[in-house]
Amino acid sequence: MTRMVMCRKYKTEKEGLPFAPFPGPKGEVLFAEVSQQAWQEWLKHQTLLINENRLNVMQPEARAFLDE
């Protein structure tokens, strides 16, 4: 049985993430409030942002931009 969460984006109950995507409090919040569908959409959008803005994710400024 899959874990269900009240998705922050869709405001409905959806399948949750299988594990926290980040360590620490931020990962715990994402694990508790973001659905698998919303997370997959974010990953696609994040790739678009990286490519369009030519971000180097090894730089702290780029990671801070994506964290926002």
C-alpha atoms as a PDB file:
ATOM      1  CA  MET A   1       0.000   0.000   0.000  1.00  0.00           C
ATOM      2  CA  THR A   2       1.287   3.437  -0.889  1.00  0.00           C
ATOM      3  CA  ARG A   3       1.550   6.289   1.557  1.00  0.00           C
ATOM      4  CA  MET A   4      -0.954   9.085   0.959  1.00  0.00           C
ATOM      5  CA  VAL A   5      -0.360  12.764   1.771  1.00  0.00           C
ATOM      6  CA  MET A   6      -2.400  15.938   1.513  1.00  0.00           C
ATOM      7  CA  CYS A   7      -0.475  17.537  -1.362  1.00  0.00           C
ATOM      8  CA  ARG A   8       0.546  21.142  -0.827  1.00  0.00           C
ATOM      9  CA  LYS A   9       0.253  21.921  -4.551  1.00  0.00           C
ATOM     10  CA  TYR A  10      -2.940  20.091  -5.505  1.00  0.00           C
ATOM     11  CA  LYS A  11      -4.800  20.433  -2.179  1.00  0.00           C
ATOM     12  CA  THR A  12      -6.000  16.822  -2.502  1.00  0.00           C
ATOM     13  CA  GLU A  13      -4.865  13.510  -1.099  1.00  0.00           C
ATOM     14  CA  LYS A  14      -2.286  11.932  -3.426  1.00  0.00           C
ATOM     15  CA  GLU A  15       0.460   9.305  -3.325  1.00  0.00           C
ATOM     16  CA  GLY A  16       3.396  10.514  -1.233  1.00  0.00           C
ATOM     17  CA  LEU A  17       7.120  10.329  -1.840  1.00  0.00           C
ATOM     18  CA  PRO A  18       8.771   6.997  -0.972  1.00  0.00           C
ATOM     19  CA  PHE A  19      11.510   8.791   1.020  1.00  0.00           C
ATOM     20  CA  ALA A  20      12.598  12.314   1.975  1.00  0.00           C
ATOM     21  CA  PRO A  21      14.390  13.954  -0.982  1.00  0.00           C
ATOM     22  CA  PHE A  22      16.722  15.935   1.312  1.00  0.00           C
ATOM     23  CA  PRO A  23      18.125  15.340   4.786  1.00  0.00           C
ATOM     24  CA  GLY A  24      16.958  17.493   7.668  1.00  0.00           C
ATOM     25  CA  PRO A  25      13.838  19.549   8.340  1.00  0.00           C
ATOM     26  CA  LYS A  26      13.327  20.658   4.724  1.00  0.00           C
ATOM     27  CA  GLY A  27      13.295  17.051   3.545  1.00  0.00           C
ATOM     28  CA  GLU A  28      10.856  16.086   6.287  1.00  0.00           C
ATOM     29  CA  VAL A  29       8.437  18.850   5.247  1.00  0.00           C
ATOM     30  CA  LEU A  30       8.635  17.796   1.597  1.00  0.00           C
ATOM     31  CA  PHE A  31       8.119  14.154   2.578  1.00  0.00           C
ATOM     32  CA  ALA A  32       5.022  15.055   4.612  1.00  0.00           C
ATOM     33  CA  GLU A  33       3.399  17.625   2.284  1.00  0.00           C
ATOM     34  CA  VAL A  34       4.397  16.952  -1.348  1.00  0.00           C
ATOM     35  CA  SER A  35       2.973  14.252  -3.587  1.00  0.00           C
ATOM     36  CA  GLN A  36       4.959  12.043  -5.935  1.00  0.00           C
ATOM     37  CA  GLN A  37       3.253  13.748  -8.907  1.00  0.00           C
ATOM     38  CA  ALA A  38       4.108  17.281  -7.701  1.00  0.00           C
ATOM     39  CA  TRP A  39       7.729  16.271  -7.009  1.00  0.00           C
ATOM     40  CA  GLN A  40       8.163  14.811 -10.514  1.00  0.00           C
ATOM     41  CA  GLU A  41       6.757  18.021 -12.000  1.00  0.00           C
ATOM     42  CA  TRP A  42       9.209  20.061  -9.903  1.00  0.00           C
ATOM     43  CA  LEU A  43      12.146  17.967 -11.134  1.00  0.00           C
ATOM     44  CA  LYS A  44      11.157  18.656 -14.760  1.00  0.00           C
ATOM     45  CA  HIS A  45      10.736  22.373 -14.029  1.00  0.00           C
ATOM     46  CA  GLN A  46      14.069  22.464 -12.177  1.00  0.00           C
ATOM     47  CA  THR A  47      15.812  20.991 -15.242  1.00  0.00           C
ATOM     48  CA  LEU A  48      14.209  23.690 -17.386  1.00  0.00           C
ATOM     49  CA  LEU A  49      15.439  26.421 -14.979  1.00  0.00           C
ATOM     50  CA  ILE A  50      18.968  24.999 -14.944  1.00  0.00           C
ATOM     51  CA  ASN A  51      19.130  24.894 -18.736  1.00  0.00           C
ATOM     52  CA  GLU A  52      17.471  28.253 -19.445  1.00  0.00           C
ATOM     53  CA  ASN A  53      19.554  30.124 -16.873  1.00  0.00           C
ATOM     54  CA  ARG A  54      22.714  28.121 -17.615  1.00  0.00           C
ATOM     55  CA  LEU A  55      23.147  27.358 -13.940  1.00  0.00           C
ATOM     56  CA  ASN A  56      26.132  25.451 -12.646  1.00  0.00           C
ATOM     57  CA  VAL A  57      24.640  23.465  -9.774  1.00  0.00           C
ATOM     58  CA  MET A  58      28.091  23.120  -8.228  1.00  0.00           C
ATOM     59  CA  GLN A  59      27.976  26.835  -7.352  1.00  0.00           C
ATOM     60  CA  PRO A  60      26.274  27.847  -4.091  1.00  0.00           C
ATOM     61  CA  GLU A  61      24.464  30.751  -5.814  1.00  0.00           C
ATOM     62  CA  ALA A  62      22.795  28.373  -8.272  1.00  0.00           C
ATOM     63  CA  ARG A  63      21.697  26.016  -5.485  1.00  0.00           C
ATOM     64  CA  ALA A  64      20.317  28.980  -3.522  1.00  0.00           C
ATOM     65  CA  PHE A  65      18.376  30.085  -6.618  1.00  0.00           C
ATOM     66  CA  LEU A  66      16.816  26.619  -6.964  1.00  0.00           C
ATOM     67  CA  ASP A  67      16.040  26.458  -3.227  1.00  0.00           C
ATOM     68  CA  GLU A  68      13.855  29.541  -3.550  1.00  0.00           C
END
